[in-house]
Amino acid sequence: MSSIPTTVELRSTIDRMENVYRCYEEASALFNAYEKLCQRFEQDLADERDVLLSKRAALMMIKYWLEDNGADTSRG
């Protein structure tokens, strides 16, 4: 049975993933879009957990795109 991550765990995962994916030159356009989306999430969503889960989902999209284009994302 999986546990529900805390907001602290979500923030830690997001920080780690942001640091990793920010380094991929080939994902810079996606990361720029991600940063704009984060602003929207923070404006549009009232609940911190919803904001964090939305950011995490957007980062997973970047991870998927990188993997689909042959990048090694094992560090993220």
N, C-alpha and C. Protein backbone atom coordinates (compact mmCIF):
# COMPACT_ATOMS: atom_id res chain seq x y z
N MET A 1 0.85 -1.17 0.00
CA MET A 1 0.00 0.00 0.00
C MET A 1 0.90 1.24 0.00
N SER A 2 0.62 2.17 -0.89
CA SER A 2 1.42 3.38 -0.96
C SER A 2 0.90 4.41 0.04
N SER A 3 1.82 5.25 0.49
CA SER A 3 1.42 6.29 1.43
C SER A 3 1.27 7.62 0.68
N ILE A 4 0.51 8.50 1.25
CA ILE A 4 0.31 9.82 0.66
C ILE A 4 1.47 10.70 1.09
N PRO A 5 2.21 11.27 0.10
CA PRO A 5 3.37 12.09 0.48
C PRO A 5 2.94 13.37 1.18
N THR A 6 3.76 13.78 2.12
CA THR A 6 3.52 15.03 2.84
C THR A 6 3.91 16.20 1.94
N THR A 7 3.51 17.40 2.34
CA THR A 7 3.91 18.58 1.57
C THR A 7 5.43 18.77 1.64
N VAL A 8 6.04 18.39 2.74
CA VAL A 8 7.50 18.48 2.87
C VAL A 8 8.16 17.54 1.85
N GLU A 9 7.65 16.33 1.75
CA GLU A 9 8.19 15.37 0.78
C GLU A 9 7.97 15.85 -0.65
N LEU A 10 6.80 16.40 -0.92
CA LEU A 10 6.53 16.92 -2.26
C LEU A 10 7.48 18.06 -2.61
N ARG A 11 7.67 19.00 -1.68
CA ARG A 11 8.59 20.12 -1.92
C ARG A 11 10.00 19.62 -2.18
N SER A 12 10.43 18.63 -1.42
CA SER A 12 11.77 18.06 -1.58
C SER A 12 11.93 17.41 -2.96
N THR A 13 10.92 16.66 -3.38
CA THR A 13 10.96 16.03 -4.70
C THR A 13 10.97 17.07 -5.80
N ILE A 14 10.15 18.08 -5.67
CA ILE A 14 10.08 19.15 -6.68
C ILE A 14 11.42 19.87 -6.77
N ASP A 15 12.01 20.22 -5.63
CA ASP A 15 13.31 20.89 -5.63
C ASP A 15 14.37 20.05 -6.33
N ARG A 16 14.40 18.75 -6.01
CA ARG A 16 15.37 17.85 -6.62
C ARG A 16 15.17 17.77 -8.12
N MET A 17 13.94 17.59 -8.55
CA MET A 17 13.65 17.46 -9.98
C MET A 17 13.94 18.77 -10.72
N GLU A 18 13.58 19.89 -10.12
CA GLU A 18 13.87 21.18 -10.77
C GLU A 18 15.37 21.34 -10.99
N ASN A 19 16.16 21.00 -9.97
CA ASN A 19 17.61 21.13 -10.10
C ASN A 19 18.17 20.23 -11.19
N VAL A 20 17.63 19.04 -11.32
CA VAL A 20 18.10 18.10 -12.35
C VAL A 20 17.68 18.56 -13.74
N TYR A 21 16.41 18.84 -13.93
CA TYR A 21 15.90 19.10 -15.28
C TYR A 21 16.27 20.48 -15.80
N ARG A 22 16.58 21.39 -14.90
CA ARG A 22 17.05 22.71 -15.31
C ARG A 22 18.37 22.60 -16.08
N CYS A 23 19.12 21.55 -15.84
CA CYS A 23 20.45 21.36 -16.46
C CYS A 23 20.37 20.81 -17.89
N TYR A 24 19.22 20.33 -18.32
CA TYR A 24 19.10 19.75 -19.65
C TYR A 24 18.84 20.85 -20.68
N GLU A 25 19.83 21.11 -21.48
CA GLU A 25 19.72 22.14 -22.53
C GLU A 25 18.53 21.85 -23.45
N GLU A 26 18.35 20.57 -23.81
CA GLU A 26 17.29 20.21 -24.75
C GLU A 26 15.88 20.39 -24.19
N ALA A 27 15.78 20.59 -22.88
CA ALA A 27 14.46 20.79 -22.26
C ALA A 27 14.26 22.23 -21.81
N SER A 28 15.11 23.15 -22.25
CA SER A 28 15.02 24.52 -21.75
C SER A 28 13.69 25.18 -22.08
N ALA A 29 13.16 24.95 -23.27
CA ALA A 29 11.86 25.54 -23.63
C ALA A 29 10.75 24.98 -22.74
N LEU A 30 10.79 23.68 -22.49
CA LEU A 30 9.79 23.07 -21.60
C LEU A 30 9.94 23.60 -20.18
N PHE A 31 11.18 23.78 -19.74
CA PHE A 31 11.38 24.28 -18.39
C PHE A 31 10.91 25.72 -18.26
N ASN A 32 11.09 26.51 -19.30
CA ASN A 32 10.56 27.88 -19.29
C ASN A 32 9.04 27.86 -19.18
N ALA A 33 8.40 26.97 -19.92
CA ALA A 33 6.94 26.84 -19.84
C ALA A 33 6.53 26.36 -18.45
N TYR A 34 7.30 25.44 -17.90
CA TYR A 34 7.03 24.93 -16.56
C TYR A 34 7.04 26.08 -15.54
N GLU A 35 8.03 26.95 -15.62
CA GLU A 35 8.12 28.07 -14.68
C GLU A 35 6.92 29.00 -14.79
N LYS A 36 6.43 29.22 -16.01
CA LYS A 36 5.22 30.04 -16.19
C LYS A 36 3.99 29.33 -15.64
N LEU A 37 3.93 28.02 -15.86
CA LEU A 37 2.82 27.25 -15.29
C LEU A 37 2.82 27.31 -13.78
N CYS A 38 3.99 27.27 -13.17
CA CYS A 38 4.08 27.33 -11.71
C CYS A 38 3.46 28.62 -11.19
N GLN A 39 3.70 29.71 -11.89
CA GLN A 39 3.08 30.99 -11.50
C GLN A 39 1.56 30.89 -11.57
N ARG A 40 1.07 30.27 -12.64
CA ARG A 40 -0.39 30.10 -12.78
C ARG A 40 -0.95 29.20 -11.70
N PHE A 41 -0.25 28.09 -11.41
CA PHE A 41 -0.71 27.19 -10.35
C PHE A 41 -0.85 27.96 -9.05
N GLU A 42 0.13 28.79 -8.73
CA GLU A 42 0.11 29.53 -7.47
C GLU A 42 -0.98 30.59 -7.46
N GLN A 43 -1.33 31.15 -8.63
CA GLN A 43 -2.41 32.13 -8.71
C GLN A 43 -3.79 31.47 -8.66
N ASP A 44 -3.91 30.34 -9.35
CA ASP A 44 -5.22 29.74 -9.56
C ASP A 44 -5.65 28.72 -8.50
N LEU A 45 -4.69 28.13 -7.80
CA LEU A 45 -5.02 27.07 -6.86
C LEU A 45 -4.84 27.57 -5.43
N ALA A 46 -5.83 27.36 -4.61
CA ALA A 46 -5.79 27.86 -3.24
C ALA A 46 -5.05 26.93 -2.29
N ASP A 47 -5.11 25.65 -2.55
CA ASP A 47 -4.54 24.66 -1.65
C ASP A 47 -3.07 24.38 -2.00
N GLU A 48 -2.17 24.48 -1.02
CA GLU A 48 -0.75 24.26 -1.27
C GLU A 48 -0.49 22.87 -1.85
N ARG A 49 -1.19 21.88 -1.36
CA ARG A 49 -1.00 20.50 -1.86
C ARG A 49 -1.36 20.42 -3.34
N ASP A 50 -2.42 21.09 -3.76
CA ASP A 50 -2.80 21.11 -5.17
C ASP A 50 -1.71 21.77 -6.02
N VAL A 51 -1.15 22.85 -5.51
CA VAL A 51 -0.06 23.53 -6.22
C VAL A 51 1.12 22.59 -6.38
N LEU A 52 1.52 21.95 -5.29
CA LEU A 52 2.67 21.04 -5.32
C LEU A 52 2.43 19.85 -6.23
N LEU A 53 1.25 19.27 -6.17
CA LEU A 53 0.95 18.13 -7.05
C LEU A 53 0.93 18.55 -8.51
N SER A 54 0.47 19.75 -8.80
CA SER A 54 0.46 20.25 -10.17
C SER A 54 1.88 20.46 -10.68
N LYS A 55 2.72 21.03 -9.84
CA LYS A 55 4.13 21.22 -10.22
C LYS A 55 4.79 19.86 -10.47
N ARG A 56 4.53 18.92 -9.61
CA ARG A 56 5.11 17.58 -9.74
C ARG A 56 4.66 16.94 -11.05
N ALA A 57 3.40 17.08 -11.39
CA ALA A 57 2.88 16.52 -12.64
C ALA A 57 3.55 17.17 -13.85
N ALA A 58 3.74 18.48 -13.80
CA ALA A 58 4.40 19.18 -14.90
C ALA A 58 5.85 18.73 -15.04
N LEU A 59 6.52 18.50 -13.93
CA LEU A 59 7.89 18.00 -13.97
C LEU A 59 7.95 16.58 -14.53
N MET A 60 6.95 15.79 -14.22
CA MET A 60 6.90 14.43 -14.79
C MET A 60 6.74 14.49 -16.31
N MET A 61 6.03 15.48 -16.82
CA MET A 61 5.91 15.65 -18.26
C MET A 61 7.28 15.95 -18.88
N ILE A 62 8.05 16.81 -18.22
CA ILE A 62 9.40 17.11 -18.71
C ILE A 62 10.25 15.85 -18.68
N LYS A 63 10.17 15.09 -17.59
CA LYS A 63 10.93 13.84 -17.49
C LYS A 63 10.54 12.89 -18.61
N TYR A 64 9.25 12.72 -18.84
CA TYR A 64 8.78 11.84 -19.91
C TYR A 64 9.32 12.31 -21.27
N TRP A 65 9.25 13.60 -21.53
CA TRP A 65 9.72 14.14 -22.81
C TRP A 65 11.20 13.86 -23.00
N LEU A 66 11.99 14.09 -21.95
CA LEU A 66 13.42 13.83 -22.03
C LEU A 66 13.70 12.35 -22.30
N GLU A 67 13.01 11.48 -21.57
CA GLU A 67 13.21 10.04 -21.77
C GLU A 67 12.81 9.63 -23.18
N ASP A 68 11.71 10.18 -23.66
CA ASP A 68 11.21 9.85 -25.00
C ASP A 68 12.18 10.32 -26.09
N ASN A 69 13.00 11.33 -25.75
CA ASN A 69 13.97 11.86 -26.70
C ASN A 69 15.39 11.37 -26.41
N GLY A 70 15.50 10.31 -25.64
CA GLY A 70 16.77 9.64 -25.45
C GLY A 70 17.67 10.15 -24.34
N ALA A 71 17.20 11.05 -23.51
CA ALA A 71 18.04 11.57 -22.41
C ALA A 71 18.02 10.57 -21.25
N ASP A 72 19.13 10.49 -20.56
CA ASP A 72 19.22 9.66 -19.36
C ASP A 72 18.72 10.48 -18.17
N THR A 73 17.55 10.13 -17.66
CA THR A 73 16.97 10.88 -16.53
C THR A 73 17.08 10.12 -15.23
N SER A 74 17.94 9.15 -15.15
CA SER A 74 18.05 8.33 -13.94
C SER A 74 18.47 9.13 -12.72
N ARG A 75 19.10 10.28 -12.92
CA ARG A 75 19.52 11.11 -11.78
C ARG A 75 18.39 11.95 -11.23
N GLY A 76 17.26 12.01 -11.93
CA GLY A 76 16.15 12.85 -11.49
C GLY A 76 14.99 12.05 -11.05
